[in-house]
Amino acid sequence: MFGMSELAVILLVIAVIVGVKKLPELTRSAGKAARILKSEKQALKEEGGGGTVPDASAKGARPGEPGGRRVVSGTIINRDEPPATS
């Protein structure tokens, strides 16, 4: 009957036939992923390696706020205690 090498060749031929239809889609998605990774790498470089706080001239920073940080008002919740009911 068939040995392992013959079955492997048959499976390889089937994979190639089925894969030819998906190949353009796979290469497009790989290209998109590479562009996204490249842009993220560039953003981290511009930010200073990610370990530092960006200055006020950083993208999205508001004038007068050091490092582009904003103060968001809210309530501090201690997760050990049950929530207070009104």
C-alpha atoms as a PDB file:
ATOM      1  CA  MET A   1       0.000   0.000   0.000  1.00  0.00           C
ATOM      2  CA  PHE A   2       1.245   3.536   0.772  1.00  0.00           C
ATOM      3  CA  GLY A   3       4.224   4.305   2.950  1.00  0.00           C
ATOM      4  CA  MET A   4       4.739   7.389   5.105  1.00  0.00           C
ATOM      5  CA  SER A   5       6.710   9.243   2.417  1.00  0.00           C
ATOM      6  CA  GLU A   6       3.971   8.763  -0.188  1.00  0.00           C
ATOM      7  CA  LEU A   7       1.296   9.985   2.229  1.00  0.00           C
ATOM      8  CA  ALA A   8       3.432  13.009   3.085  1.00  0.00           C
ATOM      9  CA  VAL A   9       3.795  13.880  -0.618  1.00  0.00           C
ATOM     10  CA  ILE A  10       0.040  13.528  -1.181  1.00  0.00           C
ATOM     11  CA  LEU A  11      -0.735  15.728   1.826  1.00  0.00           C
ATOM     12  CA  LEU A  12       1.796  18.299   0.631  1.00  0.00           C
ATOM     13  CA  VAL A  13       0.194  18.437  -2.828  1.00  0.00           C
ATOM     14  CA  ILE A  14      -3.271  18.866  -1.290  1.00  0.00           C
ATOM     15  CA  ALA A  15      -1.981  21.635   0.995  1.00  0.00           C
ATOM     16  CA  VAL A  16      -0.440  23.460  -1.977  1.00  0.00           C
ATOM     17  CA  ILE A  17      -3.623  23.198  -4.046  1.00  0.00           C
ATOM     18  CA  VAL A  18      -5.822  24.454  -1.214  1.00  0.00           C
ATOM     19  CA  GLY A  19      -3.245  27.019  -0.053  1.00  0.00           C
ATOM     20  CA  VAL A  20      -2.869  28.714  -3.451  1.00  0.00           C
ATOM     21  CA  LYS A  21      -6.295  30.302  -3.027  1.00  0.00           C
ATOM     22  CA  LYS A  22      -5.385  31.708   0.393  1.00  0.00           C
ATOM     23  CA  LEU A  23      -1.829  32.789  -0.428  1.00  0.00           C
ATOM     24  CA  PRO A  24      -2.614  36.386  -1.543  1.00  0.00           C
ATOM     25  CA  GLU A  25      -4.730  36.956   1.571  1.00  0.00           C
ATOM     26  CA  LEU A  26      -1.988  35.588   3.820  1.00  0.00           C
ATOM     27  CA  THR A  27       0.692  37.774   2.243  1.00  0.00           C
ATOM     28  CA  ARG A  28      -1.518  40.866   2.567  1.00  0.00           C
ATOM     29  CA  SER A  29      -2.159  40.211   6.241  1.00  0.00           C
ATOM     30  CA  ALA A  30       1.553  39.563   6.841  1.00  0.00           C
ATOM     31  CA  GLY A  31       2.369  42.890   5.169  1.00  0.00           C
ATOM     32  CA  LYS A  32      -0.189  44.734   7.299  1.00  0.00           C
ATOM     33  CA  ALA A  33       1.237  43.160  10.449  1.00  0.00           C
ATOM     34  CA  ALA A  34       4.765  44.167   9.450  1.00  0.00           C
ATOM     35  CA  ARG A  35       3.654  47.782   8.822  1.00  0.00           C
ATOM     36  CA  ILE A  36       1.880  47.933  12.183  1.00  0.00           C
ATOM     37  CA  LEU A  37       4.939  46.598  14.006  1.00  0.00           C
ATOM     38  CA  LYS A  38       7.175  49.066  12.185  1.00  0.00           C
ATOM     39  CA  SER A  39       4.957  52.025  13.086  1.00  0.00           C
ATOM     40  CA  GLU A  40       4.758  50.928  16.738  1.00  0.00           C
ATOM     41  CA  LYS A  41       8.544  50.599  16.854  1.00  0.00           C
ATOM     42  CA  GLN A  42       8.908  54.101  15.408  1.00  0.00           C
ATOM     43  CA  ALA A  43       6.409  55.482  17.940  1.00  0.00           C
ATOM     44  CA  LEU A  44       8.362  53.940  20.810  1.00  0.00           C
ATOM     45  CA  LYS A  45      11.594  55.433  19.466  1.00  0.00           C
ATOM     46  CA  GLU A  46      10.035  58.895  19.237  1.00  0.00           C
ATOM     47  CA  GLU A  47       8.648  58.518  22.748  1.00  0.00           C
ATOM     48  CA  GLY A  48      12.091  57.790  24.137  1.00  0.00           C
ATOM     49  CA  GLY A  49      12.086  54.037  24.521  1.00  0.00           C
ATOM     50  CA  GLY A  50       8.853  53.772  26.453  1.00  0.00           C
ATOM     51  CA  GLY A  51      10.597  53.996  29.847  1.00  0.00           C
ATOM     52  CA  THR A  52      10.426  57.770  30.128  1.00  0.00           C
ATOM     53  CA  VAL A  53       7.575  60.189  30.566  1.00  0.00           C
ATOM     54  CA  PRO A  54       6.856  62.121  27.363  1.00  0.00           C
ATOM     55  CA  ASP A  55       7.219  65.887  27.524  1.00  0.00           C
ATOM     56  CA  ALA A  56       4.444  68.438  27.021  1.00  0.00           C
ATOM     57  CA  SER A  57       5.193  68.659  23.312  1.00  0.00           C
ATOM     58  CA  ALA A  58       4.177  65.019  22.922  1.00  0.00           C
ATOM     59  CA  LYS A  59       1.266  64.162  20.706  1.00  0.00           C
ATOM     60  CA  GLY A  60      -2.044  64.676  22.501  1.00  0.00           C
ATOM     61  CA  ALA A  61      -0.543  66.692  25.361  1.00  0.00           C
ATOM     62  CA  ARG A  62      -2.399  69.731  26.584  1.00  0.00           C
ATOM     63  CA  PRO A  63      -0.554  72.985  27.214  1.00  0.00           C
ATOM     64  CA  GLY A  64       0.233  73.572  30.867  1.00  0.00           C
ATOM     65  CA  GLU A  65       0.115  69.915  31.797  1.00  0.00           C
ATOM     66  CA  PRO A  66       3.525  68.401  32.537  1.00  0.00           C
ATOM     67  CA  GLY A  67       4.269  65.337  30.485  1.00  0.00           C
ATOM     68  CA  GLY A  68       0.888  65.457  28.827  1.00  0.00           C
ATOM     69  CA  ARG A  69      -0.731  63.859  31.867  1.00  0.00           C
ATOM     70  CA  ARG A  70      -4.323  64.593  32.803  1.00  0.00           C
ATOM     71  CA  VAL A  71      -6.018  64.349  36.148  1.00  0.00           C
ATOM     72  CA  VAL A  72      -9.229  62.365  35.966  1.00  0.00           C
ATOM     73  CA  SER A  73     -11.614  62.804  38.871  1.00  0.00           C
ATOM     74  CA  GLY A  74     -13.172  59.672  40.258  1.00  0.00           C
ATOM     75  CA  THR A  75     -13.649  57.511  43.294  1.00  0.00           C
ATOM     76  CA  ILE A  76     -10.964  55.280  44.759  1.00  0.00           C
ATOM     77  CA  ILE A  77     -12.341  51.832  45.406  1.00  0.00           C
ATOM     78  CA  ASN A  78     -10.802  49.437  47.903  1.00  0.00           C
ATOM     79  CA  ARG A  79     -11.449  46.018  46.437  1.00  0.00           C
ATOM     80  CA  ASP A  80     -11.281  44.353  49.868  1.00  0.00           C
ATOM     81  CA  GLU A  81     -14.419  46.120  51.055  1.00  0.00           C
ATOM     82  CA  PRO A  82     -17.912  45.645  49.628  1.00  0.00           C
ATOM     83  CA  PRO A  83     -19.209  48.602  47.579  1.00  0.00           C
ATOM     84  CA  ALA A  84     -21.150  51.282  49.456  1.00  0.00           C
ATOM     85  CA  THR A  85     -24.862  51.434  48.704  1.00  0.00           C
ATOM     86  CA  SER A  86     -26.680  54.710  48.284  1.00  0.00           C
END
